[in-house]
Amino acid sequence: MMKRLLTAVLLCALICTAVCGLAGCKSQGDPANTIDPDNGEGGKVEKIKVEPGNSDIGIWYSVWYKYDPEDPNDPDKNLWKDWDIQYKPLLPDGTYGLYDSMDKELIMYHLKELTEAGIDFIIMDQTNHIDVGGGFINKRALAVAECIQEWNDAGNKPIRYCSAIGAIQWEQNGKAIEDEAVLLNNRYLREPFGESYYMLDGKPLLIVYGDNGEKMWKDYIDGGGKTKYTDKFTLRWADNQSRPGYYGWAYDQGTKQDTEVMVVMPGWDNRKGHTPVPRNHGEWYKESWKQVFTAKKKPKIIVINSFNEYAENTGVFTAKTALYGDDPADMYWNMTKEYIKLYREGGYFEPN
């Protein structure tokens, strides 16, 4: 009896294995959301099933571009020239060229593009000191915040903003975070456009950039440092160590899966001696999003690095450049919109 039972079990297992093989079933060791449907020509195309997600999507946004079209050769009035930025982004009139981050028409155009793409908030990069260079970056950041409030008040699809600071890089003391939190509180949260500040865990999100920033902040608190203004914010961190749960910056070791935040980027080259992350005609960006699509648990937030950080070559918005061979100017922006749509609505992702 036992022998006959074992024989039946083995026969059943063999039949199931054969049937499963014919049907293209996956073993428990394979990704449960990977399938190989027929491509219509008798071959197989790997696809990954993506379930719809409702994570907030943020994107780093550079607010420092100075440009005077009447004096474009003066590096003091043309940051593009001063920093040797080799891009010409798409402008509101459909042409390609340079712009000033103070330009209201330009800001509103960016907000239209961002909201249509499904972006929920921008991270304004103020990591080189809020008042660096006589405050030219802060002045432009304020202009962007004001435009966002105007955009939202007009009944458009809403978008939010938050700030990323980084004076701690030079001061090497947690007090730098508290000092910059004072400025952000007084210049942004207390103003009417403070209504459009992005909230996380019930407080405005403040991202601190700098290696060992989190440790320096802990040491500052443990030493009795004041936190009155920093306590008004939800603090999060960014550095260049590819840390899971951090909000940036250069994930040169690839996108890390995390339940709170995952960072995707198309490539990176800060032109300061670090080993660049090559774009490889979109392959790095595709692999970054693959990590999002295959995460066992969807993150609370997805962060894209970046919309327009052309100085360090992470921008995804449409721009002409000779840096990536024959890649179309709108290639990375189209990929961004496609991947966000896929993430929101669900469907199938083709990694190859």
Protein backbone atom coordinates (compact mmCIF):
# COMPACT_ATOMS: atom_id res chain seq x y z
CA MET A 1 0.00 0.00 0.00
CA MET A 2 2.74 2.44 1.00
CA LYS A 3 4.80 1.52 -2.06
CA ARG A 4 1.83 2.12 -4.37
CA LEU A 5 1.13 5.46 -2.65
CA LEU A 6 4.73 6.64 -3.09
CA THR A 7 4.65 5.61 -6.74
CA ALA A 8 1.44 7.61 -7.26
CA VAL A 9 2.93 10.65 -5.57
CA LEU A 10 6.06 10.49 -7.72
CA LEU A 11 3.97 10.05 -10.88
CA CYS A 12 1.83 13.06 -9.92
CA ALA A 13 4.93 15.16 -9.29
CA LEU A 14 6.37 14.25 -12.68
CA ILE A 15 3.10 15.14 -14.43
CA CYS A 16 2.85 18.47 -12.57
CA THR A 17 6.45 19.28 -13.46
CA ALA A 18 5.84 18.56 -17.13
CA VAL A 19 2.63 20.57 -17.23
CA CYS A 20 4.22 23.45 -15.36
CA GLY A 21 7.18 23.41 -17.74
CA LEU A 22 4.87 23.60 -20.74
CA ALA A 23 2.95 26.46 -19.16
CA GLY A 24 6.07 28.43 -18.34
CA CYS A 25 5.53 28.25 -14.57
CA LYS A 26 8.13 29.73 -12.24
CA SER A 27 9.65 27.93 -9.30
CA GLN A 28 9.51 29.47 -5.85
CA GLY A 29 13.10 30.60 -6.30
CA ASP A 30 12.21 32.77 -9.31
CA PRO A 31 10.65 36.23 -9.10
CA ALA A 32 6.93 35.70 -8.76
CA ASN A 33 6.17 38.68 -10.97
CA THR A 34 8.36 37.66 -13.92
CA ILE A 35 6.76 36.15 -17.01
CA ASP A 36 7.97 35.28 -20.51
CA PRO A 37 5.07 35.93 -22.88
CA ASP A 38 5.28 35.17 -26.58
CA ASN A 39 6.48 38.17 -28.56
CA GLY A 40 4.27 37.28 -31.51
CA GLU A 41 7.15 35.81 -33.49
CA GLY A 42 7.53 32.57 -31.61
CA GLY A 43 10.16 33.94 -29.24
CA LYS A 44 10.00 34.91 -25.60
CA VAL A 45 10.28 38.42 -24.13
CA GLU A 46 11.01 38.81 -20.42
CA LYS A 47 8.53 41.09 -18.71
CA ILE A 48 7.94 41.97 -15.10
CA LYS A 49 4.41 42.45 -13.85
CA VAL A 50 4.02 45.75 -12.02
CA GLU A 51 1.17 46.19 -9.57
CA PRO A 52 -0.17 49.77 -9.25
CA GLY A 53 1.49 51.85 -6.54
CA ASN A 54 0.54 55.12 -4.86
CA SER A 55 3.93 56.21 -3.52
CA ASP A 56 4.65 59.93 -3.56
CA ILE A 57 7.19 60.80 -6.23
CA GLY A 58 9.70 63.58 -5.67
CA ILE A 59 12.50 64.93 -7.82
CA TRP A 60 15.62 66.97 -7.09
CA TYR A 61 15.37 70.42 -8.65
CA SER A 62 18.23 72.87 -9.23
CA VAL A 63 17.38 76.50 -8.48
CA TRP A 64 20.74 78.16 -9.13
CA TYR A 65 20.87 78.94 -12.84
CA LYS A 66 21.90 82.53 -13.51
CA TYR A 67 21.64 83.76 -17.07
CA ASP A 68 21.60 87.24 -18.59
CA PRO A 69 20.90 87.00 -22.33
CA GLU A 70 22.16 90.55 -22.81
CA ASP A 71 25.57 89.66 -21.39
CA PRO A 72 26.00 85.90 -21.92
CA ASN A 73 29.80 86.03 -21.96
CA ASP A 74 30.08 87.39 -18.42
CA PRO A 75 30.55 84.32 -16.14
CA ASP A 76 29.26 86.35 -13.17
CA LYS A 77 25.93 86.65 -14.99
CA ASN A 78 25.95 83.27 -16.69
CA LEU A 79 26.36 80.27 -14.43
CA TRP A 80 26.05 77.94 -17.40
CA LYS A 81 29.27 79.39 -18.77
CA ASP A 82 30.95 79.73 -15.38
CA TRP A 83 30.38 76.04 -14.58
CA ASP A 84 30.90 74.82 -18.16
CA ILE A 85 27.47 73.16 -18.28
CA GLN A 86 27.18 71.45 -21.64
CA TYR A 87 23.41 71.30 -22.00
CA LYS A 88 20.74 73.34 -23.74
CA PRO A 89 17.38 72.49 -22.14
CA LEU A 90 13.99 72.72 -23.80
CA LEU A 91 12.44 76.16 -23.23
CA PRO A 92 8.77 77.21 -23.00
CA ASP A 93 8.74 78.43 -26.61
CA GLY A 94 9.86 75.05 -27.94
CA THR A 95 13.45 76.06 -28.64
CA TYR A 96 16.58 74.88 -26.84
CA GLY A 97 18.76 77.26 -24.88
CA LEU A 98 19.78 78.63 -21.51
CA TYR A 99 17.59 80.14 -18.80
CA ASP A 100 17.57 81.89 -15.45
CA SER A 101 15.89 80.07 -12.56
CA MET A 102 14.17 83.36 -11.64
CA ASP A 103 12.19 83.38 -14.89
CA LYS A 104 8.53 82.98 -13.93
CA GLU A 105 7.47 81.77 -17.36
CA LEU A 106 10.19 79.13 -17.20
CA ILE A 107 9.17 78.03 -13.68
CA MET A 108 5.52 77.71 -14.65
CA TYR A 109 6.53 75.70 -17.70
CA HIS A 110 8.52 73.34 -15.49
CA LEU A 111 5.57 72.97 -13.10
CA LYS A 112 3.33 72.04 -16.01
CA GLU A 113 5.80 69.41 -17.19
CA LEU A 114 6.35 68.07 -13.69
CA THR A 115 2.69 67.72 -12.80
CA GLU A 116 1.79 66.18 -16.14
CA ALA A 117 4.53 63.61 -15.55
CA GLY A 118 3.03 62.71 -12.17
CA ILE A 119 5.61 64.33 -9.89
CA ASP A 120 4.21 65.15 -6.42
CA PHE A 121 6.99 67.35 -5.03
CA ILE A 122 10.36 68.85 -5.85
CA ILE A 123 13.45 68.95 -3.64
CA MET A 124 15.04 72.36 -4.04
CA ASP A 125 18.80 71.93 -3.92
CA GLN A 126 20.18 74.50 -1.46
CA THR A 127 22.97 72.24 -0.24
CA ASN A 128 25.81 74.71 -0.89
CA HIS A 129 24.71 77.01 1.97
CA ILE A 130 21.34 78.73 1.74
CA ASP A 131 22.91 82.18 1.35
CA VAL A 132 25.95 81.22 -0.72
CA GLY A 133 27.11 83.77 -3.29
CA GLY A 134 25.22 86.66 -1.79
CA GLY A 135 21.98 84.66 -1.70
CA PHE A 136 21.52 84.15 -5.44
CA ILE A 137 20.37 80.54 -4.95
CA ASN A 138 17.98 81.36 -2.11
CA LYS A 139 16.52 84.22 -4.15
CA ARG A 140 15.67 81.80 -6.95
CA ALA A 141 14.39 79.16 -4.55
CA LEU A 142 11.96 81.70 -3.12
CA ALA A 143 10.78 82.53 -6.64
CA VAL A 144 10.08 78.84 -7.29
CA ALA A 145 8.19 78.48 -3.99
CA GLU A 146 6.07 81.53 -4.81
CA CYS A 147 5.25 80.16 -8.26
CA ILE A 148 4.28 76.79 -6.80
CA GLN A 149 1.82 78.48 -4.46
CA GLU A 150 0.40 80.50 -7.36
CA TRP A 151 0.17 77.35 -9.45
CA ASN A 152 -1.72 75.50 -6.73
CA ASP A 153 -3.99 78.43 -5.94
CA ALA A 154 -5.02 78.55 -9.62
CA GLY A 155 -6.57 75.11 -9.29
CA ASN A 156 -3.94 73.20 -11.22
CA LYS A 157 -2.91 69.70 -10.29
CA PRO A 158 -1.02 70.47 -7.06
CA ILE A 159 2.69 70.09 -6.53
CA ARG A 160 4.73 70.68 -3.38
CA TYR A 161 8.29 71.65 -2.59
CA CYS A 162 10.80 71.01 0.16
CA SER A 163 14.40 72.06 0.74
CA ALA A 164 17.69 70.22 0.95
CA ILE A 165 20.44 71.92 2.94
CA GLY A 166 24.13 71.13 3.36
CA ALA A 167 26.13 73.71 5.31
CA ILE A 168 27.12 70.84 7.58
CA GLN A 169 29.56 69.73 4.85
CA TRP A 170 31.85 72.64 5.70
CA GLU A 171 30.98 73.41 9.30
CA GLN A 172 31.18 69.75 10.39
CA ASN A 173 28.84 70.42 13.29
CA GLY A 174 25.17 69.61 13.82
CA LYS A 175 24.55 73.24 14.79
CA ALA A 176 24.66 74.05 11.06
CA ILE A 177 21.38 72.14 10.64
CA GLU A 178 19.65 74.15 13.36
CA ASP A 179 20.98 77.42 11.92
CA GLU A 180 19.64 76.66 8.44
CA ALA A 181 16.34 75.41 9.87
CA VAL A 182 15.88 78.89 11.36
CA LEU A 183 16.26 80.44 7.91
CA LEU A 184 13.87 77.98 6.27
CA ASN A 185 11.28 78.48 8.96
CA ASN A 186 11.38 82.28 8.70
CA ARG A 187 11.66 82.54 4.91
CA TYR A 188 9.36 79.73 3.81
CA LEU A 189 7.11 78.23 6.47
CA ARG A 190 6.01 81.61 7.81
CA GLU A 191 5.20 82.94 4.35
CA PRO A 192 1.94 82.30 2.43
CA PHE A 193 3.74 79.86 0.12
CA GLY A 194 4.57 77.79 3.19
CA GLU A 195 1.20 76.15 2.54
CA SER A 196 2.75 74.32 -0.40
CA TYR A 197 5.66 72.85 1.55
CA TYR A 198 5.76 69.05 1.32
CA MET A 199 4.84 67.27 4.56
CA LEU A 200 6.18 63.96 5.83
CA ASP A 201 4.97 62.39 9.07
CA GLY A 202 3.00 65.53 9.89
CA LYS A 203 5.90 67.98 9.50
CA PRO A 204 7.66 69.77 6.63
CA LEU A 205 10.36 67.55 5.12
CA LEU A 206 13.94 68.80 5.46
CA ILE A 207 16.72 66.85 3.77
CA VAL A 208 20.27 67.27 5.03
CA TYR A 209 23.08 66.50 2.60
CA GLY A 210 26.57 65.65 3.76
CA ASP A 211 28.67 62.61 4.60
CA ASN A 212 28.29 61.66 8.28
CA GLY A 213 25.57 64.29 8.67
CA GLU A 214 23.29 61.98 10.63
CA LYS A 215 26.07 61.12 13.07
CA MET A 216 27.06 64.77 13.50
CA TRP A 217 23.46 65.62 14.28
CA LYS A 218 23.28 62.86 16.91
CA ASP A 219 26.54 64.05 18.48
CA TYR A 220 25.17 67.60 18.55
CA ILE A 221 21.98 66.52 20.31
CA ASP A 222 23.85 64.29 22.74
CA GLY A 223 26.01 67.30 23.57
CA GLY A 224 22.99 69.37 24.53
CA GLY A 225 22.63 71.32 21.28
CA LYS A 226 19.46 73.35 20.68
CA THR A 227 16.88 71.88 18.28
CA LYS A 228 13.99 74.36 18.57
CA TYR A 229 13.69 75.04 14.83
CA THR A 230 14.87 71.71 13.53
CA ASP A 231 12.12 70.09 15.60
CA LYS A 232 9.60 71.82 13.36
CA PHE A 233 10.75 69.60 10.48
CA THR A 234 10.93 65.91 9.67
CA LEU A 235 14.66 65.37 9.14
CA ARG A 236 15.94 63.03 6.46
CA TRP A 237 19.41 62.48 5.03
CA ALA A 238 21.40 62.36 1.81
CA ASP A 239 25.03 61.59 1.03
CA ASN A 240 27.16 59.84 -1.58
CA GLN A 241 27.30 56.41 0.06
CA SER A 242 24.33 54.74 -1.69
CA ARG A 243 22.64 54.16 1.66
CA PRO A 244 19.19 52.50 1.74
CA GLY A 245 16.63 54.92 3.17
CA TYR A 246 18.58 58.05 2.20
CA TYR A 247 17.13 60.59 -0.22
CA GLY A 248 20.22 60.88 -2.45
CA TRP A 249 22.66 61.87 -3.77
CA ALA A 250 24.76 59.72 -6.11
CA TYR A 251 23.69 56.10 -5.91
CA ASP A 252 26.80 54.89 -7.72
CA GLN A 253 26.20 51.38 -6.35
CA GLY A 254 22.72 51.26 -7.84
CA THR A 255 19.24 51.88 -6.48
CA LYS A 256 18.68 50.38 -3.04
CA GLN A 257 15.35 48.88 -2.06
CA ASP A 258 13.81 50.43 1.05
CA THR A 259 10.31 50.73 2.48
CA GLU A 260 10.43 54.52 3.00
CA VAL A 261 12.34 55.87 0.02
CA MET A 262 14.06 54.63 -3.11
CA VAL A 263 16.25 56.82 -5.32
CA VAL A 264 16.54 56.40 -9.08
CA MET A 265 18.92 58.27 -11.37
CA PRO A 266 20.01 58.08 -15.03
CA GLY A 267 23.74 58.38 -14.34
CA TRP A 268 26.14 60.75 -12.58
CA ASP A 269 29.37 62.65 -13.17
CA ASN A 270 30.25 65.53 -10.86
CA ARG A 271 33.45 66.20 -12.82
CA LYS A 272 35.47 66.44 -9.60
CA GLY A 273 37.48 63.25 -9.69
CA HIS A 274 34.85 60.74 -8.61
CA THR A 275 34.30 57.71 -10.82
CA PRO A 276 31.36 58.60 -13.09
CA VAL A 277 28.24 56.48 -13.37
CA PRO A 278 27.74 56.12 -17.15
CA ARG A 279 24.25 56.37 -18.56
CA ASN A 280 24.84 53.61 -21.12
CA HIS A 281 22.05 54.88 -23.33
CA GLY A 282 19.41 54.54 -20.62
CA GLU A 283 20.45 51.18 -19.20
CA TRP A 284 21.45 52.52 -15.77
CA TYR A 285 18.14 54.41 -15.48
CA LYS A 286 16.16 51.36 -16.57
CA GLU A 287 17.94 49.19 -13.99
CA SER A 288 17.21 51.80 -11.30
CA TRP A 289 13.49 51.63 -12.00
CA LYS A 290 13.64 47.84 -12.18
CA GLN A 291 14.61 47.86 -8.51
CA VAL A 292 11.48 49.91 -7.78
CA PHE A 293 9.24 47.65 -9.84
CA THR A 294 10.57 44.46 -8.21
CA ALA A 295 10.65 45.68 -4.59
CA LYS A 296 8.79 43.22 -2.35
CA LYS A 297 7.17 46.16 -0.57
CA LYS A 298 6.53 49.44 -2.35
CA PRO A 299 8.35 52.42 -0.86
CA LYS A 300 6.47 55.32 0.68
CA ILE A 301 8.41 57.71 -1.55
CA ILE A 302 10.31 57.50 -4.84
CA VAL A 303 12.94 60.18 -5.47
CA ILE A 304 14.36 60.94 -8.91
CA ASN A 305 17.82 62.47 -9.13
CA SER A 306 17.25 64.82 -10.90
CA PHE A 307 15.07 67.09 -13.02
CA ASN A 308 17.72 69.60 -14.11
CA GLU A 309 21.01 69.09 -12.29
CA TYR A 310 23.05 69.42 -15.44
CA ALA A 311 26.27 70.37 -13.62
CA GLU A 312 26.59 66.82 -12.25
CA ASN A 313 24.91 65.22 -15.23
CA THR A 314 21.88 63.72 -13.51
CA GLY A 315 19.15 65.75 -15.23
CA VAL A 316 16.34 63.85 -16.95
CA PHE A 317 14.39 66.79 -18.40
CA THR A 318 14.59 67.28 -22.15
CA ALA A 319 17.86 68.89 -23.17
CA LYS A 320 20.30 68.82 -26.06
CA THR A 321 23.83 67.70 -25.23
CA ALA A 322 26.69 65.99 -27.01
CA LEU A 323 27.62 64.02 -23.89
CA TYR A 324 25.58 60.89 -24.63
CA GLY A 325 26.18 60.23 -28.28
CA ASP A 326 23.03 59.98 -30.34
CA ASP A 327 20.57 59.70 -27.42
CA PRO A 328 17.48 61.79 -28.29
CA ALA A 329 17.09 65.02 -26.30
CA ASP A 330 13.78 63.84 -24.80
CA MET A 331 14.80 60.22 -24.21
CA TYR A 332 15.19 60.37 -20.42
CA TRP A 333 12.16 62.56 -19.86
CA ASN A 334 10.04 60.18 -21.93
CA MET A 335 11.41 57.24 -19.91
CA THR A 336 10.55 59.09 -16.70
CA LYS A 337 6.98 59.71 -17.76
CA GLU A 338 6.58 56.16 -19.01
CA TYR A 339 7.90 54.61 -15.79
CA ILE A 340 5.80 56.84 -13.53
CA LYS A 341 2.70 55.97 -15.55
CA LEU A 342 3.54 52.28 -15.34
CA TYR A 343 4.10 52.54 -11.60
CA ARG A 344 0.80 54.37 -11.03
CA GLU A 345 -1.37 52.26 -13.32
CA GLY A 346 0.38 48.90 -13.32
CA GLY A 347 1.28 46.78 -16.31
CA TYR A 348 4.42 45.10 -17.55
CA PHE A 349 8.02 46.31 -17.49
CA GLU A 350 10.50 45.02 -20.06
CA PRO A 351 13.99 45.06 -18.50
CA ASN A 352 15.77 44.02 -21.71
